[in-house]
Amino acid sequence: MTINIEEEVEVSFPFDYKKLAEEVICGAVEAEDFPFEAEIGLLLVSLEGIQEINGQQRNLDCPTDVLSFPMIAYESPGDFTKVRQEDDNFNPDTGEAMLGDIVLCVDKVKEQAEHFGHSEKREFSFLILHSMLHLFGYDHMTKEEAEIMEKKQRDILDQMGIFR
């Protein structure tokens, strides 16, 4: 698995954020039983940085906590049966499935951890996992979708020992 982590902002978490990001990403891949080696990009940005990207990509001129840019379209969430290595979303050099990119706002991690009364480690983990589930085709636009996604988030974080 290849995880490309880039920082556009100084990151000052009280934990090894690179190691934790890798653990959460690997945990999501394992929990979803993704059948291929994967490539994921993680970009850590400021409030201004994510607002700019949110404006460019979603026409929303406001900051958000995390953005997900999936590279693979699934017939249904978590259904990998139609994904083939011959598809364009595999890196020709490594053979890895290019799942997509995650853009995470460091400022929002800190702000939301305080707001929700849990650790920055938990918020960081939650947002990466949330975004990984989007990369696997899950969404939360309807009540039913949200319930499925929220249960997966709870279950995976619990399995990893990352609690509120």
N, C-alpha and C. Protein backbone atom coordinates (compact mmCIF):
# COMPACT_ATOMS: atom_id res chain seq x y z
N MET A 1 0.85 -1.18 0.00
CA MET A 1 0.00 0.00 0.00
C MET A 1 0.89 1.24 0.00
N THR A 2 0.45 2.22 -0.76
CA THR A 2 1.16 3.49 -0.81
C THR A 2 0.25 4.58 -0.25
N ILE A 3 0.77 5.28 0.75
CA ILE A 3 0.04 6.41 1.33
C ILE A 3 0.94 7.62 1.21
N ASN A 4 0.52 8.56 0.39
CA ASN A 4 1.29 9.79 0.18
C ASN A 4 0.73 10.88 1.07
N ILE A 5 1.53 11.32 2.04
CA ILE A 5 1.09 12.36 2.97
C ILE A 5 1.87 13.64 2.67
N GLU A 6 1.13 14.71 2.45
CA GLU A 6 1.73 16.02 2.21
C GLU A 6 1.14 17.02 3.18
N GLU A 7 1.96 17.97 3.60
CA GLU A 7 1.51 19.03 4.50
C GLU A 7 1.68 20.38 3.82
N GLU A 8 0.60 21.14 3.76
CA GLU A 8 0.66 22.52 3.28
C GLU A 8 0.61 23.49 4.45
N VAL A 9 0.62 22.95 5.65
CA VAL A 9 0.52 23.74 6.87
C VAL A 9 1.37 23.04 7.93
N GLU A 10 1.81 23.81 8.90
CA GLU A 10 2.56 23.20 10.01
C GLU A 10 1.59 22.34 10.82
N VAL A 11 2.01 21.13 11.12
CA VAL A 11 1.16 20.19 11.85
C VAL A 11 1.77 19.99 13.23
N SER A 12 0.97 20.26 14.27
CA SER A 12 1.48 20.17 15.64
C SER A 12 0.54 19.37 16.53
N PHE A 13 0.25 18.16 16.12
CA PHE A 13 -0.59 17.29 16.94
C PHE A 13 0.27 16.64 18.02
N PRO A 14 -0.34 16.28 19.17
CA PRO A 14 0.40 15.63 20.25
C PRO A 14 0.52 14.11 20.04
N PHE A 15 0.57 13.68 18.79
CA PHE A 15 0.70 12.26 18.45
C PHE A 15 1.39 12.18 17.09
N ASP A 16 1.86 11.01 16.75
CA ASP A 16 2.53 10.79 15.47
C ASP A 16 1.43 10.68 14.40
N TYR A 17 1.10 11.80 13.78
CA TYR A 17 -0.03 11.84 12.86
C TYR A 17 0.21 11.01 11.60
N LYS A 18 1.45 10.90 11.16
CA LYS A 18 1.70 10.09 9.97
C LYS A 18 1.45 8.61 10.25
N LYS A 19 1.94 8.15 11.39
CA LYS A 19 1.74 6.76 11.78
C LYS A 19 0.25 6.48 11.99
N LEU A 20 -0.44 7.39 12.66
CA LEU A 20 -1.86 7.20 12.91
C LEU A 20 -2.66 7.21 11.61
N ALA A 21 -2.34 8.11 10.70
CA ALA A 21 -3.03 8.15 9.41
C ALA A 21 -2.88 6.82 8.69
N GLU A 22 -1.67 6.28 8.70
CA GLU A 22 -1.43 4.98 8.05
C GLU A 22 -2.22 3.87 8.73
N GLU A 23 -2.28 3.89 10.06
CA GLU A 23 -3.03 2.87 10.79
C GLU A 23 -4.52 2.93 10.45
N VAL A 24 -5.07 4.13 10.41
CA VAL A 24 -6.50 4.29 10.12
C VAL A 24 -6.80 3.90 8.68
N ILE A 25 -5.97 4.33 7.77
CA ILE A 25 -6.18 3.99 6.35
C ILE A 25 -6.09 2.48 6.16
N CYS A 26 -5.07 1.87 6.73
CA CYS A 26 -4.92 0.41 6.63
C CYS A 26 -6.09 -0.30 7.31
N GLY A 27 -6.53 0.23 8.45
CA GLY A 27 -7.67 -0.35 9.15
C GLY A 27 -8.93 -0.31 8.31
N ALA A 28 -9.14 0.78 7.60
CA ALA A 28 -10.31 0.90 6.74
C ALA A 28 -10.23 -0.08 5.57
N VAL A 29 -9.07 -0.18 4.96
CA VAL A 29 -8.87 -1.10 3.83
C VAL A 29 -9.13 -2.54 4.28
N GLU A 30 -8.61 -2.90 5.45
CA GLU A 30 -8.82 -4.25 5.98
C GLU A 30 -10.28 -4.48 6.36
N ALA A 31 -10.89 -3.52 7.03
CA ALA A 31 -12.28 -3.69 7.47
C ALA A 31 -13.23 -3.85 6.29
N GLU A 32 -12.94 -3.15 5.21
CA GLU A 32 -13.78 -3.23 4.02
C GLU A 32 -13.38 -4.40 3.12
N ASP A 33 -12.29 -5.07 3.47
CA ASP A 33 -11.79 -6.22 2.70
C ASP A 33 -11.55 -5.84 1.24
N PHE A 34 -10.90 -4.69 1.06
CA PHE A 34 -10.58 -4.23 -0.29
C PHE A 34 -9.59 -5.22 -0.91
N PRO A 35 -9.90 -5.79 -2.08
CA PRO A 35 -9.12 -6.91 -2.60
C PRO A 35 -7.82 -6.57 -3.34
N PHE A 36 -7.44 -5.30 -3.38
CA PHE A 36 -6.25 -4.89 -4.13
C PHE A 36 -5.32 -4.10 -3.23
N GLU A 37 -4.07 -4.04 -3.62
CA GLU A 37 -3.17 -3.07 -3.01
C GLU A 37 -3.68 -1.69 -3.41
N ALA A 38 -3.53 -0.73 -2.52
CA ALA A 38 -4.16 0.57 -2.75
C ALA A 38 -3.16 1.71 -2.64
N GLU A 39 -3.52 2.80 -3.29
CA GLU A 39 -2.77 4.06 -3.22
C GLU A 39 -3.74 5.15 -2.79
N ILE A 40 -3.35 5.90 -1.75
CA ILE A 40 -4.19 6.96 -1.21
C ILE A 40 -3.34 8.20 -1.00
N GLY A 41 -3.89 9.36 -1.29
CA GLY A 41 -3.22 10.62 -1.01
C GLY A 41 -3.89 11.32 0.16
N LEU A 42 -3.08 11.86 1.06
CA LEU A 42 -3.59 12.64 2.20
C LEU A 42 -2.88 13.98 2.20
N LEU A 43 -3.66 15.05 2.10
CA LEU A 43 -3.13 16.41 2.11
C LEU A 43 -3.65 17.11 3.34
N LEU A 44 -2.75 17.64 4.16
CA LEU A 44 -3.12 18.37 5.38
C LEU A 44 -3.00 19.87 5.08
N VAL A 45 -4.10 20.59 5.33
CA VAL A 45 -4.17 21.99 4.94
C VAL A 45 -4.70 22.84 6.08
N SER A 46 -4.63 24.15 5.87
CA SER A 46 -5.16 25.15 6.82
C SER A 46 -6.64 25.39 6.52
N LEU A 47 -7.26 26.20 7.37
CA LEU A 47 -8.65 26.61 7.18
C LEU A 47 -8.82 27.31 5.82
N GLU A 48 -7.89 28.21 5.52
CA GLU A 48 -7.95 28.93 4.25
C GLU A 48 -7.74 27.98 3.08
N GLY A 49 -6.84 27.03 3.25
CA GLY A 49 -6.56 26.07 2.18
C GLY A 49 -7.76 25.22 1.84
N ILE A 50 -8.44 24.71 2.85
CA ILE A 50 -9.59 23.85 2.57
C ILE A 50 -10.77 24.66 2.04
N GLN A 51 -10.88 25.91 2.48
CA GLN A 51 -11.94 26.77 1.95
C GLN A 51 -11.72 27.01 0.46
N GLU A 52 -10.49 27.23 0.07
CA GLU A 52 -10.17 27.45 -1.34
C GLU A 52 -10.50 26.20 -2.18
N ILE A 53 -10.09 25.03 -1.69
CA ILE A 53 -10.37 23.79 -2.42
C ILE A 53 -11.86 23.52 -2.46
N ASN A 54 -12.56 23.76 -1.35
CA ASN A 54 -14.01 23.56 -1.29
C ASN A 54 -14.71 24.48 -2.31
N GLY A 55 -14.21 25.69 -2.45
CA GLY A 55 -14.77 26.62 -3.43
C GLY A 55 -14.52 26.16 -4.85
N GLN A 56 -13.30 25.72 -5.13
CA GLN A 56 -12.94 25.28 -6.48
C GLN A 56 -13.68 24.01 -6.88
N GLN A 57 -13.77 23.05 -5.97
CA GLN A 57 -14.30 21.73 -6.31
C GLN A 57 -15.80 21.59 -6.11
N ARG A 58 -16.36 22.34 -5.14
CA ARG A 58 -17.77 22.14 -4.80
C ARG A 58 -18.57 23.43 -4.87
N ASN A 59 -17.95 24.52 -5.29
CA ASN A 59 -18.61 25.83 -5.35
C ASN A 59 -19.19 26.24 -4.00
N LEU A 60 -18.52 25.85 -2.93
CA LEU A 60 -18.92 26.25 -1.58
C LEU A 60 -17.81 27.11 -0.99
N ASP A 61 -18.10 28.38 -0.79
CA ASP A 61 -17.09 29.31 -0.29
C ASP A 61 -17.08 29.32 1.24
N CYS A 62 -16.73 28.16 1.80
CA CYS A 62 -16.65 28.04 3.25
C CYS A 62 -15.67 26.91 3.58
N PRO A 63 -15.08 26.98 4.76
CA PRO A 63 -14.19 25.89 5.16
C PRO A 63 -15.01 24.66 5.57
N THR A 64 -14.39 23.51 5.49
CA THR A 64 -14.99 22.27 5.95
C THR A 64 -13.90 21.46 6.64
N ASP A 65 -14.24 20.34 7.23
CA ASP A 65 -13.25 19.57 7.96
C ASP A 65 -12.44 18.63 7.07
N VAL A 66 -13.12 17.98 6.13
CA VAL A 66 -12.42 17.01 5.28
C VAL A 66 -13.14 16.93 3.94
N LEU A 67 -12.36 16.72 2.91
CA LEU A 67 -12.90 16.52 1.56
C LEU A 67 -12.36 15.19 1.04
N SER A 68 -13.20 14.49 0.30
CA SER A 68 -12.83 13.20 -0.27
C SER A 68 -12.97 13.27 -1.78
N PHE A 69 -11.98 12.75 -2.47
CA PHE A 69 -12.00 12.73 -3.93
C PHE A 69 -11.76 11.31 -4.41
N PRO A 70 -12.84 10.51 -4.48
CA PRO A 70 -12.70 9.12 -4.91
C PRO A 70 -12.30 9.01 -6.37
N MET A 71 -11.52 8.00 -6.68
CA MET A 71 -11.08 7.75 -8.05
C MET A 71 -11.83 6.58 -8.68
N ILE A 72 -12.50 5.79 -7.85
CA ILE A 72 -13.21 4.61 -8.34
C ILE A 72 -14.70 4.80 -8.12
N ALA A 73 -15.48 4.49 -9.14
CA ALA A 73 -16.94 4.53 -9.01
C ALA A 73 -17.43 3.10 -8.78
N TYR A 74 -18.26 2.93 -7.77
CA TYR A 74 -18.78 1.61 -7.43
C TYR A 74 -20.26 1.54 -7.76
N GLU A 75 -20.73 0.35 -8.10
CA GLU A 75 -22.17 0.18 -8.35
C GLU A 75 -22.94 0.37 -7.06
N SER A 76 -22.37 -0.10 -5.96
CA SER A 76 -22.94 0.15 -4.64
C SER A 76 -21.79 0.26 -3.65
N PRO A 77 -21.99 0.96 -2.54
CA PRO A 77 -20.90 1.18 -1.58
C PRO A 77 -20.25 -0.12 -1.12
N GLY A 78 -18.93 -0.13 -1.16
CA GLY A 78 -18.18 -1.27 -0.68
C GLY A 78 -18.27 -2.51 -1.55
N ASP A 79 -18.83 -2.37 -2.74
CA ASP A 79 -18.93 -3.50 -3.67
C ASP A 79 -17.79 -3.41 -4.67
N PHE A 80 -16.79 -4.26 -4.48
CA PHE A 80 -15.58 -4.19 -5.31
C PHE A 80 -15.59 -5.22 -6.44
N THR A 81 -16.72 -5.91 -6.66
CA THR A 81 -16.76 -7.00 -7.63
C THR A 81 -16.53 -6.54 -9.06
N LYS A 82 -16.85 -5.31 -9.38
CA LYS A 82 -16.70 -4.82 -10.75
C LYS A 82 -15.36 -4.09 -10.97
N VAL A 83 -14.57 -3.96 -9.92
CA VAL A 83 -13.27 -3.28 -10.04
C VAL A 83 -12.28 -4.26 -10.66
N ARG A 84 -11.64 -3.85 -11.73
CA ARG A 84 -10.69 -4.70 -12.45
C ARG A 84 -9.35 -4.00 -12.59
N GLN A 85 -8.30 -4.76 -12.50
CA GLN A 85 -6.96 -4.17 -12.60
C GLN A 85 -6.69 -3.58 -13.97
N GLU A 86 -7.50 -3.89 -14.94
CA GLU A 86 -7.32 -3.31 -16.28
C GLU A 86 -7.91 -1.90 -16.35
N ASP A 87 -8.65 -1.51 -15.32
CA ASP A 87 -9.30 -0.20 -15.31
C ASP A 87 -8.26 0.93 -15.24
N ASP A 88 -8.70 2.11 -15.64
CA ASP A 88 -7.83 3.29 -15.65
C ASP A 88 -7.44 3.76 -14.26
N ASN A 89 -8.13 3.30 -13.24
CA ASN A 89 -7.84 3.77 -11.89
C ASN A 89 -6.83 2.90 -11.15
N PHE A 90 -5.97 2.24 -11.89
CA PHE A 90 -4.85 1.51 -11.33
C PHE A 90 -3.56 2.16 -11.81
N ASN A 91 -2.64 2.36 -10.90
CA ASN A 91 -1.36 2.96 -11.23
C ASN A 91 -0.58 1.98 -12.10
N PRO A 92 -0.23 2.37 -13.33
CA PRO A 92 0.46 1.43 -14.23
C PRO A 92 1.86 1.05 -13.74
N ASP A 93 2.46 1.89 -12.90
CA ASP A 93 3.81 1.59 -12.41
C ASP A 93 3.81 0.62 -11.24
N THR A 94 2.79 0.73 -10.38
CA THR A 94 2.78 -0.09 -9.16
C THR A 94 1.70 -1.17 -9.18
N GLY A 95 0.70 -1.02 -10.03
CA GLY A 95 -0.41 -1.95 -10.06
C GLY A 95 -1.42 -1.72 -8.94
N GLU A 96 -1.21 -0.66 -8.16
CA GLU A 96 -2.11 -0.37 -7.04
C GLU A 96 -3.37 0.36 -7.52
N ALA A 97 -4.48 0.06 -6.87
CA ALA A 97 -5.72 0.78 -7.13
C ALA A 97 -5.60 2.18 -6.55
N MET A 98 -5.84 3.18 -7.37
CA MET A 98 -5.79 4.56 -6.90
C MET A 98 -7.16 4.89 -6.32
N LEU A 99 -7.28 4.73 -4.98
CA LEU A 99 -8.56 4.94 -4.32
C LEU A 99 -9.00 6.40 -4.38
N GLY A 100 -8.06 7.31 -4.23
CA GLY A 100 -8.40 8.72 -4.27
C GLY A 100 -7.62 9.53 -3.27
N ASP A 101 -8.08 10.75 -3.05
CA ASP A 101 -7.38 11.70 -2.19
C ASP A 101 -8.28 12.18 -1.07
N ILE A 102 -7.63 12.47 0.05
CA ILE A 102 -8.27 13.03 1.23
C ILE A 102 -7.59 14.37 1.51
N VAL A 103 -8.39 15.41 1.71
CA VAL A 103 -7.86 16.72 2.10
C VAL A 103 -8.43 17.00 3.49
N LEU A 104 -7.55 17.14 4.46
CA LEU A 104 -7.94 17.27 5.86
C LEU A 104 -7.48 18.61 6.41
N CYS A 105 -8.39 19.33 7.05
CA CYS A 105 -8.08 20.62 7.64
C CYS A 105 -7.59 20.44 9.07
N VAL A 106 -6.34 20.76 9.32
CA VAL A 106 -5.73 20.62 10.64
C VAL A 106 -6.44 21.51 11.66
N ASP A 107 -6.79 22.74 11.26
CA ASP A 107 -7.48 23.65 12.17
C ASP A 107 -8.82 23.09 12.62
N LYS A 108 -9.55 22.46 11.69
CA LYS A 108 -10.86 21.88 12.02
C LYS A 108 -10.71 20.68 12.96
N VAL A 109 -9.65 19.90 12.81
CA VAL A 109 -9.42 18.78 13.72
C VAL A 109 -9.35 19.31 15.15
N LYS A 110 -8.54 20.34 15.34
CA LYS A 110 -8.36 20.92 16.68
C LYS A 110 -9.67 21.53 17.19
N GLU A 111 -10.33 22.30 16.34
CA GLU A 111 -11.57 22.97 16.72
C GLU A 111 -12.66 21.96 17.08
N GLN A 112 -12.84 20.94 16.26
CA GLN A 112 -13.91 19.96 16.48
C GLN A 112 -13.60 19.04 17.65
N ALA A 113 -12.35 18.73 17.88
CA ALA A 113 -12.00 17.91 19.05
C ALA A 113 -12.42 18.63 20.32
N GLU A 114 -12.13 19.92 20.37
CA GLU A 114 -12.52 20.71 21.54
C GLU A 114 -14.04 20.80 21.65
N HIS A 115 -14.69 21.07 20.54
CA HIS A 115 -16.15 21.21 20.52
C HIS A 115 -16.85 19.93 20.98
N PHE A 116 -16.37 18.77 20.50
CA PHE A 116 -17.01 17.50 20.83
C PHE A 116 -16.49 16.88 22.13
N GLY A 117 -15.47 17.50 22.72
CA GLY A 117 -14.95 17.03 23.99
C GLY A 117 -14.19 15.73 23.94
N HIS A 118 -13.51 15.51 22.81
CA HIS A 118 -12.64 14.34 22.75
C HIS A 118 -11.27 14.77 22.22
N SER A 119 -10.38 13.82 22.11
CA SER A 119 -8.99 14.13 21.77
C SER A 119 -8.82 14.49 20.29
N GLU A 120 -7.76 15.20 20.00
CA GLU A 120 -7.40 15.49 18.60
C GLU A 120 -7.10 14.20 17.87
N LYS A 121 -6.53 13.24 18.57
CA LYS A 121 -6.23 11.93 17.96
C LYS A 121 -7.51 11.28 17.48
N ARG A 122 -8.55 11.32 18.31
CA ARG A 122 -9.82 10.70 17.93
C ARG A 122 -10.44 11.43 16.75
N GLU A 123 -10.44 12.76 16.76
CA GLU A 123 -11.03 13.53 15.67
C GLU A 123 -10.28 13.32 14.36
N PHE A 124 -8.95 13.33 14.43
CA PHE A 124 -8.11 13.08 13.26
C PHE A 124 -8.44 11.71 12.67
N SER A 125 -8.50 10.69 13.53
CA SER A 125 -8.79 9.33 13.10
C SER A 125 -10.18 9.24 12.48
N PHE A 126 -11.16 9.84 13.15
CA PHE A 126 -12.53 9.81 12.66
C PHE A 126 -12.64 10.42 11.27
N LEU A 127 -12.03 11.59 11.07
CA LEU A 127 -12.15 12.28 9.78
C LEU A 127 -11.47 11.51 8.66
N ILE A 128 -10.34 10.90 8.95
CA ILE A 128 -9.67 10.09 7.92
C ILE A 128 -10.52 8.87 7.60
N LEU A 129 -11.03 8.20 8.62
CA LEU A 129 -11.88 7.03 8.38
C LEU A 129 -13.14 7.42 7.61
N HIS A 130 -13.76 8.52 8.00
CA HIS A 130 -14.95 9.02 7.31
C HIS A 130 -14.64 9.20 5.82
N SER A 131 -13.52 9.81 5.54
CA SER A 131 -13.13 10.07 4.16
C SER A 131 -12.81 8.77 3.42
N MET A 132 -12.17 7.83 4.11
CA MET A 132 -11.87 6.53 3.48
C MET A 132 -13.16 5.84 3.07
N LEU A 133 -14.19 5.92 3.91
CA LEU A 133 -15.46 5.29 3.54
C LEU A 133 -16.06 5.95 2.30
N HIS A 134 -15.86 7.26 2.16
CA HIS A 134 -16.28 7.93 0.92
C HIS A 134 -15.49 7.37 -0.27
N LEU A 135 -14.20 7.11 -0.07
CA LEU A 135 -13.39 6.55 -1.16
C LEU A 135 -13.85 5.15 -1.55
N PHE A 136 -14.57 4.48 -0.65
CA PHE A 136 -15.13 3.16 -0.94
C PHE A 136 -16.58 3.25 -1.43
N GLY A 137 -17.07 4.47 -1.65
CA GLY A 137 -18.39 4.64 -2.23
C GLY A 137 -19.52 4.92 -1.26
N TYR A 138 -19.23 4.97 0.02
CA TYR A 138 -20.28 5.25 1.01
C TYR A 138 -20.59 6.73 1.03
N ASP A 139 -21.82 7.05 1.43
CA ASP A 139 -22.22 8.45 1.54
C ASP A 139 -23.22 8.57 2.68
N HIS A 140 -23.64 9.78 2.95
CA HIS A 140 -24.57 10.03 4.06
C HIS A 140 -25.62 11.06 3.66
N MET A 141 -26.06 10.96 2.42
CA MET A 141 -27.04 11.92 1.91
C MET A 141 -28.46 11.58 2.37
N THR A 142 -28.73 10.30 2.63
CA THR A 142 -30.04 9.92 3.15
C THR A 142 -29.85 9.37 4.57
N LYS A 143 -30.95 9.27 5.29
CA LYS A 143 -30.90 8.74 6.66
C LYS A 143 -30.34 7.31 6.66
N GLU A 144 -30.76 6.50 5.71
CA GLU A 144 -30.32 5.11 5.64
C GLU A 144 -28.81 5.03 5.35
N GLU A 145 -28.36 5.84 4.40
CA GLU A 145 -26.92 5.87 4.09
C GLU A 145 -26.11 6.32 5.30
N ALA A 146 -26.60 7.34 5.98
CA ALA A 146 -25.90 7.87 7.15
C ALA A 146 -25.81 6.82 8.24
N GLU A 147 -26.88 6.07 8.47
CA GLU A 147 -26.86 5.03 9.50
C GLU A 147 -25.82 3.97 9.20
N ILE A 148 -25.73 3.55 7.94
CA ILE A 148 -24.75 2.53 7.54
C ILE A 148 -23.34 3.07 7.76
N MET A 149 -23.10 4.29 7.29
CA MET A 149 -21.77 4.88 7.39
C MET A 149 -21.37 5.11 8.85
N GLU A 150 -22.29 5.62 9.64
CA GLU A 150 -21.99 5.88 11.05
C GLU A 150 -21.68 4.59 11.81
N LYS A 151 -22.40 3.52 11.53
CA LYS A 151 -22.13 2.24 12.17
C LYS A 151 -20.74 1.73 11.79
N LYS A 152 -20.40 1.82 10.52
CA LYS A 152 -19.07 1.39 10.07
C LYS A 152 -17.98 2.20 10.77
N GLN A 153 -18.19 3.51 10.87
CA GLN A 153 -17.20 4.37 11.54
C GLN A 153 -17.01 3.94 12.99
N ARG A 154 -18.11 3.76 13.70
CA ARG A 154 -18.05 3.33 15.11
C ARG A 154 -17.34 1.99 15.23
N ASP A 155 -17.76 1.03 14.43
CA ASP A 155 -17.20 -0.32 14.52
C ASP A 155 -15.69 -0.34 14.25
N ILE A 156 -15.27 0.35 13.22
CA ILE A 156 -13.84 0.34 12.86
C ILE A 156 -13.01 1.07 13.91
N LEU A 157 -13.48 2.23 14.37
CA LEU A 157 -12.73 2.95 15.40
C LEU A 157 -12.70 2.14 16.70
N ASP A 158 -13.79 1.49 17.05
CA ASP A 158 -13.81 0.64 18.24
C ASP A 158 -12.80 -0.49 18.10
N GLN A 159 -12.77 -1.14 16.94
CA GLN A 159 -11.81 -2.23 16.71
C GLN A 159 -10.38 -1.73 16.85
N MET A 160 -10.14 -0.48 16.51
CA MET A 160 -8.80 0.10 16.59
C MET A 160 -8.50 0.62 17.99
N GLY A 161 -9.49 0.62 18.89
CA GLY A 161 -9.31 1.13 20.23
C GLY A 161 -9.26 2.64 20.31
N ILE A 162 -9.93 3.30 19.37
CA ILE A 162 -9.97 4.76 19.34
C ILE A 162 -11.38 5.19 19.71
N PHE A 163 -11.53 5.66 20.95
CA PHE A 163 -12.85 5.96 21.48
C PHE A 163 -12.99 7.46 21.71
N ARG A 164 -14.25 7.88 21.87
CA ARG A 164 -14.56 9.29 22.14
C ARG A 164 -14.05 9.70 23.49
